[in-house]
Amino acid sequence: MPRHILNETHIHPAIQSFIADHHRDVVEEVQATLTQHRVVVVGMRQNPVCKAVRKRLSDANIQHHYLEYGSYFSEWRKRNAL
């Protein structure tokens, strides 16, 4: 699914590298995980939807890998990179 993003020509050159490298480690971790696991859930603490999805996958005997980045109150900037 392509993501609609702002064209680089509309981003000031002084901040292009900041945007490109913004929590790159998180993006690369998710990308690497996707190559190793068929089903990946990316979520956060305190989110009942993430918990319910993981439970349903487990109940259906579907192996999955869970990556957790913060909560409603923390590490939200990391999730923005995704």
C-alpha atoms as a PDB file:
ATOM      1  CA  MET A   1       0.000   0.000   0.000  1.00  0.00           C
ATOM      2  CA  PRO A   2       1.718   3.194  -1.090  1.00  0.00           C
ATOM      3  CA  ARG A   3       1.799   5.970   1.435  1.00  0.00           C
ATOM      4  CA  HIS A   4       1.079   9.503   0.291  1.00  0.00           C
ATOM      5  CA  ILE A   5       3.904  11.724   1.470  1.00  0.00           C
ATOM      6  CA  LEU A   6       5.044  15.252   0.818  1.00  0.00           C
ATOM      7  CA  ASN A   7       7.353  15.542  -2.182  1.00  0.00           C
ATOM      8  CA  GLU A   8      10.988  16.254  -1.265  1.00  0.00           C
ATOM      9  CA  THR A   9      10.937  19.412  -3.377  1.00  0.00           C
ATOM     10  CA  HIS A  10       8.489  20.861  -0.848  1.00  0.00           C
ATOM     11  CA  ILE A  11      10.745  20.129   2.141  1.00  0.00           C
ATOM     12  CA  HIS A  12      13.438  22.645   3.049  1.00  0.00           C
ATOM     13  CA  PRO A  13      16.908  21.216   2.306  1.00  0.00           C
ATOM     14  CA  ALA A  14      18.086  22.023   5.844  1.00  0.00           C
ATOM     15  CA  ILE A  15      15.734  19.442   7.363  1.00  0.00           C
ATOM     16  CA  GLN A  16      15.606  16.760   4.649  1.00  0.00           C
ATOM     17  CA  SER A  17      18.269  14.611   6.299  1.00  0.00           C
ATOM     18  CA  PHE A  18      16.565  14.982   9.687  1.00  0.00           C
ATOM     19  CA  ILE A  19      13.322  13.678   8.227  1.00  0.00           C
ATOM     20  CA  ALA A  20      15.054  10.894   6.305  1.00  0.00           C
ATOM     21  CA  ASP A  21      16.914   9.686   9.402  1.00  0.00           C
ATOM     22  CA  HIS A  22      14.111  10.257  11.929  1.00  0.00           C
ATOM     23  CA  HIS A  23      14.170   7.092  14.057  1.00  0.00           C
ATOM     24  CA  ARG A  24      15.618   5.148  11.154  1.00  0.00           C
ATOM     25  CA  ASP A  25      16.575   2.391  13.598  1.00  0.00           C
ATOM     26  CA  VAL A  26      12.904   1.725  14.346  1.00  0.00           C
ATOM     27  CA  VAL A  27      11.973   1.586  10.667  1.00  0.00           C
ATOM     28  CA  GLU A  28      14.903  -0.728   9.932  1.00  0.00           C
ATOM     29  CA  GLU A  29      14.000  -2.975  12.878  1.00  0.00           C
ATOM     30  CA  VAL A  30      10.442  -3.365  11.588  1.00  0.00           C
ATOM     31  CA  GLN A  31      11.693  -3.983   8.042  1.00  0.00           C
ATOM     32  CA  ALA A  32      14.127  -6.649   9.258  1.00  0.00           C
ATOM     33  CA  THR A  33      11.444  -8.293  11.377  1.00  0.00           C
ATOM     34  CA  LEU A  34       9.119  -8.458   8.373  1.00  0.00           C
ATOM     35  CA  THR A  35      11.734 -10.470   6.477  1.00  0.00           C
ATOM     36  CA  GLN A  36      11.979 -12.986   9.333  1.00  0.00           C
ATOM     37  CA  HIS A  37       8.327 -13.455  10.313  1.00  0.00           C
ATOM     38  CA  ARG A  38       5.158 -13.951   8.289  1.00  0.00           C
ATOM     39  CA  VAL A  39       2.952 -12.082  10.767  1.00  0.00           C
ATOM     40  CA  VAL A  40       4.192  -9.046  12.668  1.00  0.00           C
ATOM     41  CA  VAL A  41       2.178  -6.922  15.081  1.00  0.00           C
ATOM     42  CA  VAL A  42       3.580  -3.486  15.842  1.00  0.00           C
ATOM     43  CA  GLY A  43       1.976  -1.900  18.864  1.00  0.00           C
ATOM     44  CA  MET A  44       2.331  -0.128  22.149  1.00  0.00           C
ATOM     45  CA  ARG A  45       1.671  -0.722  25.828  1.00  0.00           C
ATOM     46  CA  GLN A  46      -1.794   0.033  27.155  1.00  0.00           C
ATOM     47  CA  ASN A  47      -3.419  -0.391  23.737  1.00  0.00           C
ATOM     48  CA  PRO A  48      -6.288  -2.871  24.074  1.00  0.00           C
ATOM     49  CA  VAL A  49      -6.463  -3.395  20.308  1.00  0.00           C
ATOM     50  CA  CYS A  50      -2.878  -4.659  20.176  1.00  0.00           C
ATOM     51  CA  LYS A  51      -3.564  -7.003  23.072  1.00  0.00           C
ATOM     52  CA  ALA A  52      -6.757  -8.311  21.427  1.00  0.00           C
ATOM     53  CA  VAL A  53      -5.044  -8.900  18.088  1.00  0.00           C
ATOM     54  CA  ARG A  54      -2.236 -10.849  19.728  1.00  0.00           C
ATOM     55  CA  LYS A  55      -4.748 -12.940  21.687  1.00  0.00           C
ATOM     56  CA  ARG A  56      -6.766 -13.741  18.564  1.00  0.00           C
ATOM     57  CA  LEU A  57      -3.658 -14.713  16.652  1.00  0.00           C
ATOM     58  CA  SER A  58      -2.553 -16.966  19.511  1.00  0.00           C
ATOM     59  CA  ASP A  59      -6.034 -18.484  19.846  1.00  0.00           C
ATOM     60  CA  ALA A  60      -5.978 -19.270  16.118  1.00  0.00           C
ATOM     61  CA  ASN A  61      -2.506 -20.844  16.491  1.00  0.00           C
ATOM     62  CA  ILE A  62      -1.009 -18.260  14.161  1.00  0.00           C
ATOM     63  CA  GLN A  63       2.615 -17.628  14.977  1.00  0.00           C
ATOM     64  CA  HIS A  64       3.408 -13.952  15.172  1.00  0.00           C
ATOM     65  CA  HIS A  65       6.082 -11.595  16.363  1.00  0.00           C
ATOM     66  CA  TYR A  66       5.266  -8.543  18.455  1.00  0.00           C
ATOM     67  CA  LEU A  67       7.211  -5.293  18.468  1.00  0.00           C
ATOM     68  CA  GLU A  68       6.287  -2.747  21.100  1.00  0.00           C
ATOM     69  CA  TYR A  69       7.184   0.915  21.017  1.00  0.00           C
ATOM     70  CA  GLY A  70       6.215   2.872  24.105  1.00  0.00           C
ATOM     71  CA  SER A  71       2.712   3.697  25.251  1.00  0.00           C
ATOM     72  CA  TYR A  72       0.173   6.455  24.853  1.00  0.00           C
ATOM     73  CA  PHE A  73       2.490   8.652  26.921  1.00  0.00           C
ATOM     74  CA  SER A  74       5.953   7.645  25.745  1.00  0.00           C
ATOM     75  CA  GLU A  75       7.981   6.971  22.626  1.00  0.00           C
ATOM     76  CA  TRP A  76       5.228   8.257  20.354  1.00  0.00           C
ATOM     77  CA  ARG A  77       7.826   9.959  18.194  1.00  0.00           C
ATOM     78  CA  LYS A  78       9.326   6.562  17.404  1.00  0.00           C
ATOM     79  CA  ARG A  79       5.958   5.359  16.193  1.00  0.00           C
ATOM     80  CA  ASN A  80       5.634   8.481  14.031  1.00  0.00           C
ATOM     81  CA  ALA A  81       8.540   7.211  11.960  1.00  0.00           C
ATOM     82  CA  LEU A  82       6.425   4.250  10.956  1.00  0.00           C
END
